[in-house]
Amino acid sequence: MYISRWMILAFFLAQLAVTIVSADEDDPSGWVEARHNILLDFDLEKSPLQIKTDSADGSKHQMDLALFDDDENDAGGLFIDFSSPPSYKLYSCMESMAEFPSTLPADANKVWTITLATEEDKRRFVINCNNKEVLNVILSDTTCSNSKWKTDWTKRVTLIYFEPGAEIDPPRAADFYREAPCLAGNYETESGCQQCGENTYSGNGASSCSSCPDGKTSTAGSTSEADCEEVEKQKYSGAVFNSLSGIIMTLTFLLTLLICHC
């Protein structure tokens, strides 16, 4: 049977179209395949890291994440063993595995959100699993038995590395990763997530903050319109507080006078 060059070209174009459509369907929310044994650009200081796994508790699957700075120097890391119950270890901090302080969600399909933040010269490492906080620790001599935390965990993390592991079986748990969307009360900017200011609010993954309705105000970091309160209500609350403070001060003054006269 004769097959023309045009038919061959049409076939390859059709295959290319299917590939492109499939790629779009597989990656609607920014998820990228977690390639192992290769350094990946990721600024953990700018945005939390999300990792998707589908390993059940007791499967013995493993997630091995190493962190590095721009010069590819060690900057900490995380190891999770999907035993029963699952356990974890922070590289350059812990000498042995430990169970998570909080029970993990039962669903085998998990999204891990990993946050590394600096607070008043202290490094805080937080892990959320399916929107539940399961670890929140400040790196210190108290929480770390390995003194290397002082040199490794204080570096700026700009590279991540999914370790291939020494064993093919059990399988590696990390399937996909992405930058975590900004949490409610924040909005996305070029430099990372920023907190919404006063009289505004935002939900998860917002690119901007919404203003409170006219006549209502809210505190910085508000997460929904329900946080916006009427100005008069806030003024009333403040007035009540000031009145109570005045009464207490007056009673204290009178009590002092009585004591002195006695």
Protein backbone atom coordinates (compact mmCIF):
# COMPACT_ATOMS: atom_id res chain seq x y z
CA MET A 1 0.00 0.00 0.00
CA TYR A 2 1.36 3.41 -0.95
CA ILE A 3 1.77 5.90 1.91
CA SER A 4 2.57 9.45 0.89
CA ARG A 5 4.86 11.81 2.74
CA TRP A 6 1.82 13.96 3.53
CA MET A 7 0.12 11.06 5.30
CA ILE A 8 3.24 10.40 7.36
CA LEU A 9 3.50 14.09 8.26
CA ALA A 10 -0.19 14.20 9.23
CA PHE A 11 0.31 11.16 11.45
CA PHE A 12 3.23 12.72 13.34
CA LEU A 13 1.39 16.03 13.74
CA ALA A 14 -1.58 14.18 15.20
CA GLN A 15 0.68 12.35 17.66
CA LEU A 16 2.28 15.64 18.65
CA ALA A 17 -1.14 17.20 19.29
CA VAL A 18 -2.16 14.27 21.49
CA THR A 19 1.09 14.57 23.45
CA ILE A 20 0.58 18.29 24.03
CA VAL A 21 -3.04 17.86 25.12
CA SER A 22 -2.10 14.99 27.45
CA ALA A 23 0.66 17.08 29.03
CA ASP A 24 -1.79 19.90 29.67
CA GLU A 25 -4.30 17.51 31.22
CA ASP A 26 -1.65 15.97 33.47
CA ASP A 27 -0.37 19.30 34.72
CA PRO A 28 -3.31 21.66 35.28
CA SER A 29 -2.04 23.03 38.61
CA GLY A 30 1.69 23.41 38.15
CA TRP A 31 2.68 19.92 39.32
CA VAL A 32 6.03 18.74 37.94
CA GLU A 33 7.35 15.19 37.96
CA ALA A 34 9.73 14.66 40.87
CA ARG A 35 12.81 13.63 38.91
CA HIS A 36 15.33 11.82 41.09
CA ASN A 37 19.11 11.99 41.12
CA ILE A 38 19.24 15.53 39.67
CA LEU A 39 19.51 18.99 41.24
CA LEU A 40 16.33 21.02 40.78
CA ASP A 41 16.03 24.80 41.11
CA PHE A 42 13.69 25.68 43.97
CA ASP A 43 13.90 28.73 46.25
CA LEU A 44 12.49 27.40 49.51
CA GLU A 45 12.95 30.82 51.12
CA LYS A 46 10.57 32.36 48.59
CA SER A 47 7.84 29.75 48.48
CA PRO A 48 6.89 26.60 50.41
CA LEU A 49 7.44 23.28 48.61
CA GLN A 50 4.60 20.88 47.96
CA ILE A 51 5.24 17.18 47.26
CA LYS A 52 2.58 14.72 46.15
CA THR A 53 2.75 11.06 47.23
CA ASP A 54 0.38 8.09 47.02
CA SER A 55 2.18 5.71 49.38
CA ALA A 56 0.10 3.99 52.05
CA ASP A 57 1.22 3.72 55.66
CA GLY A 58 3.09 0.46 56.10
CA SER A 59 4.17 0.32 52.45
CA LYS A 60 7.78 1.03 53.46
CA HIS A 61 8.07 3.50 50.60
CA GLN A 62 10.55 6.31 51.21
CA MET A 63 10.79 10.02 50.45
CA ASP A 64 14.34 11.34 50.58
CA LEU A 65 14.74 15.08 50.02
CA ALA A 66 18.10 16.87 50.24
CA LEU A 67 18.45 20.66 50.38
CA PHE A 68 21.34 22.74 49.02
CA ASP A 69 22.40 26.36 48.63
CA ASP A 70 23.60 28.08 45.43
CA ASP A 71 27.08 26.56 45.81
CA GLU A 72 25.58 23.06 46.21
CA ASN A 73 26.54 22.92 49.89
CA ASP A 74 24.39 20.84 52.26
CA ALA A 75 21.53 22.88 53.71
CA GLY A 76 19.56 20.21 55.55
CA GLY A 77 16.99 17.74 54.30
CA LEU A 78 14.07 15.48 55.10
CA PHE A 79 13.65 11.70 55.07
CA ILE A 80 10.23 10.06 55.47
CA ASP A 81 9.70 6.32 55.85
CA PHE A 82 6.14 5.20 55.12
CA SER A 83 6.23 2.56 57.84
CA SER A 84 3.36 1.97 60.25
CA PRO A 85 3.20 4.52 61.69
CA PRO A 86 5.29 6.70 59.33
CA SER A 87 8.47 8.20 60.73
CA TYR A 88 10.79 11.04 59.72
CA LYS A 89 14.28 12.42 60.15
CA LEU A 90 15.73 15.90 59.58
CA TYR A 91 19.21 15.66 58.10
CA SER A 92 21.97 17.57 59.93
CA CYS A 93 19.67 17.80 62.95
CA MET A 94 18.41 14.39 64.07
CA GLU A 95 20.55 11.31 64.61
CA SER A 96 17.69 8.80 64.33
CA MET A 97 14.14 8.39 63.02
CA ALA A 98 11.14 9.61 65.02
CA GLU A 99 7.37 9.38 64.75
CA PHE A 100 5.50 12.52 63.73
CA PRO A 101 4.16 14.49 66.71
CA SER A 102 0.70 14.50 65.10
CA THR A 103 -1.14 11.62 63.46
CA LEU A 104 -0.99 11.78 59.67
CA PRO A 105 -4.20 11.81 57.57
CA ALA A 106 -5.29 8.27 56.70
CA ASP A 107 -5.65 8.93 52.96
CA ALA A 108 -2.82 7.34 50.94
CA ASN A 109 -2.93 10.31 48.54
CA LYS A 110 -1.06 13.03 50.37
CA VAL A 111 0.15 16.54 49.59
CA TRP A 112 3.05 17.56 51.81
CA THR A 113 3.67 21.29 52.25
CA ILE A 114 7.17 22.06 53.49
CA THR A 115 7.98 25.53 54.80
CA LEU A 116 11.34 26.90 55.94
CA ALA A 117 11.20 30.35 57.50
CA THR A 118 13.46 32.71 59.43
CA GLU A 119 11.94 34.33 62.51
CA GLU A 120 14.12 36.68 64.55
CA ASP A 121 17.31 34.88 63.50
CA LYS A 122 15.70 31.49 64.22
CA ARG A 123 14.95 28.84 61.60
CA ARG A 124 11.51 27.25 61.69
CA PHE A 125 10.72 24.07 59.72
CA VAL A 126 7.03 23.21 59.24
CA ILE A 127 5.36 20.25 57.54
CA ASN A 128 1.68 20.16 56.66
CA CYS A 129 0.07 17.00 55.29
CA ASN A 130 -3.26 17.43 53.49
CA ASN A 131 -3.64 20.83 55.19
CA LYS A 132 -2.97 19.38 58.65
CA GLU A 133 0.13 20.53 60.53
CA VAL A 134 2.14 17.45 61.54
CA LEU A 135 5.49 19.04 62.42
CA ASN A 136 6.50 22.51 63.56
CA VAL A 137 10.00 22.86 64.97
CA ILE A 138 12.53 25.64 65.54
CA LEU A 139 16.03 24.36 64.79
CA SER A 140 18.18 24.69 67.92
CA ASP A 141 20.51 22.80 70.25
CA THR A 142 17.40 21.68 72.11
CA THR A 143 15.58 20.21 69.11
CA CYS A 144 18.67 18.97 67.22
CA SER A 145 21.09 16.35 68.51
CA ASN A 146 23.41 16.94 65.54
CA SER A 147 25.39 20.17 65.86
CA LYS A 148 25.65 20.49 62.06
CA TRP A 149 22.28 22.23 62.08
CA LYS A 150 24.08 25.49 62.93
CA THR A 151 25.99 25.46 59.63
CA ASP A 152 23.63 23.58 57.31
CA TRP A 153 20.16 24.78 58.21
CA THR A 154 21.18 28.46 58.31
CA LYS A 155 22.00 28.49 54.57
CA ARG A 156 19.61 29.81 51.94
CA VAL A 157 17.98 26.89 50.14
CA THR A 158 17.83 27.36 46.36
CA LEU A 159 18.27 23.76 45.16
CA ILE A 160 16.45 20.54 46.03
CA TYR A 161 17.39 16.95 45.26
CA PHE A 162 15.21 13.86 45.42
CA GLU A 163 17.61 11.08 46.38
CA PRO A 164 17.32 7.94 44.22
CA GLY A 165 17.92 5.73 47.26
CA ALA A 166 20.19 2.74 47.66
CA GLU A 167 17.34 0.30 47.00
CA ILE A 168 15.00 0.06 44.04
CA ASP A 169 12.50 -1.74 46.23
CA PRO A 170 10.82 -0.16 48.22
CA PRO A 171 9.88 2.47 45.63
CA ARG A 172 10.58 6.16 46.03
CA ALA A 173 7.49 7.95 47.32
CA ALA A 174 7.78 11.43 45.79
CA ASP A 175 5.72 11.60 42.59
CA PHE A 176 5.28 15.32 41.83
CA TYR A 177 6.28 18.67 43.29
CA ARG A 178 5.44 22.36 42.85
CA GLU A 179 5.56 25.74 44.53
CA ALA A 180 2.81 25.86 47.14
CA PRO A 181 0.02 28.35 46.47
CA CYS A 182 -0.08 31.21 48.97
CA LEU A 183 -2.10 30.42 52.07
CA ALA A 184 -5.25 32.34 52.98
CA GLY A 185 -4.48 35.81 54.32
CA ASN A 186 -1.61 36.20 51.84
CA TYR A 187 -1.21 36.93 48.13
CA GLU A 188 1.34 36.04 45.48
CA THR A 189 4.02 38.53 44.36
CA GLU A 190 7.21 38.25 42.32
CA SER A 191 9.22 38.02 45.56
CA GLY A 192 6.95 35.41 47.14
CA CYS A 193 3.83 35.34 49.32
CA GLN A 194 3.01 38.57 51.16
CA GLN A 195 0.50 39.13 53.94
CA CYS A 196 -2.65 41.07 53.11
CA GLY A 197 -2.82 44.46 54.79
CA GLU A 198 -5.47 45.87 57.08
CA ASN A 199 -9.04 46.08 55.76
CA THR A 200 -8.38 43.37 53.16
CA TYR A 201 -8.56 39.56 53.02
CA SER A 202 -7.75 36.62 50.74
CA GLY A 203 -8.33 32.89 50.35
CA ASN A 204 -5.84 30.16 49.46
CA GLY A 205 -3.82 30.71 46.28
CA ALA A 206 -4.80 34.37 45.86
CA SER A 207 -2.88 36.67 43.52
CA SER A 208 -4.35 39.77 45.19
CA CYS A 209 -6.27 40.80 48.31
CA SER A 210 -9.94 41.77 48.32
CA SER A 211 -11.10 44.90 50.12
CA CYS A 212 -13.61 44.74 52.94
CA PRO A 213 -17.08 46.12 52.13
CA ASP A 214 -17.66 49.82 52.81
CA GLY A 215 -17.99 50.55 56.49
CA LYS A 216 -16.10 47.43 57.55
CA THR A 217 -12.49 46.87 58.59
CA SER A 218 -10.25 43.89 59.29
CA THR A 219 -6.83 43.13 60.73
CA ALA A 220 -3.83 42.27 58.54
CA GLY A 221 -3.78 38.66 57.37
CA SER A 222 -7.56 38.20 57.36
CA THR A 223 -8.68 35.11 55.46
CA SER A 224 -12.30 35.81 54.47
CA GLU A 225 -14.96 38.50 54.23
CA ALA A 226 -16.35 37.17 57.51
CA ASP A 227 -13.29 38.68 59.22
CA CYS A 228 -14.43 42.16 58.16
CA GLU A 229 -16.31 43.83 61.01
CA GLU A 230 -18.43 46.92 61.10
CA VAL A 231 -16.54 50.01 62.20
CA GLU A 232 -19.13 50.86 64.84
CA LYS A 233 -18.84 47.37 66.33
CA GLN A 234 -15.08 47.73 66.60
CA LYS A 235 -15.45 51.20 68.09
CA TYR A 236 -17.98 49.85 70.57
CA SER A 237 -15.64 47.04 71.58
CA GLY A 238 -12.83 49.54 72.04
CA ALA A 239 -15.05 51.85 74.05
CA VAL A 240 -16.15 49.03 76.34
CA PHE A 241 -12.55 48.05 76.90
CA ASN A 242 -11.55 51.65 77.66
CA SER A 243 -14.48 52.04 80.06
CA LEU A 244 -13.57 48.89 81.95
CA SER A 245 -9.96 50.01 82.13
CA GLY A 246 -11.06 53.36 83.54
CA ILE A 247 -13.27 51.72 86.17
CA ILE A 248 -10.46 49.40 87.25
CA MET A 249 -8.02 52.30 87.55
CA THR A 250 -10.53 54.30 89.60
CA LEU A 251 -11.24 51.40 91.96
CA THR A 252 -7.50 50.81 92.36
CA PHE A 253 -6.97 54.49 93.21
CA LEU A 254 -9.81 54.49 95.80
CA LEU A 255 -8.53 51.26 97.34
CA THR A 256 -5.07 52.81 97.68
CA LEU A 257 -6.52 55.87 99.44
CA LEU A 258 -8.46 53.69 101.89
CA ILE A 259 -5.34 51.69 102.73
CA CYS A 260 -3.30 54.83 103.26
CA HIS A 261 -5.92 56.37 105.57
CA CYS A 262 -6.09 53.19 107.59
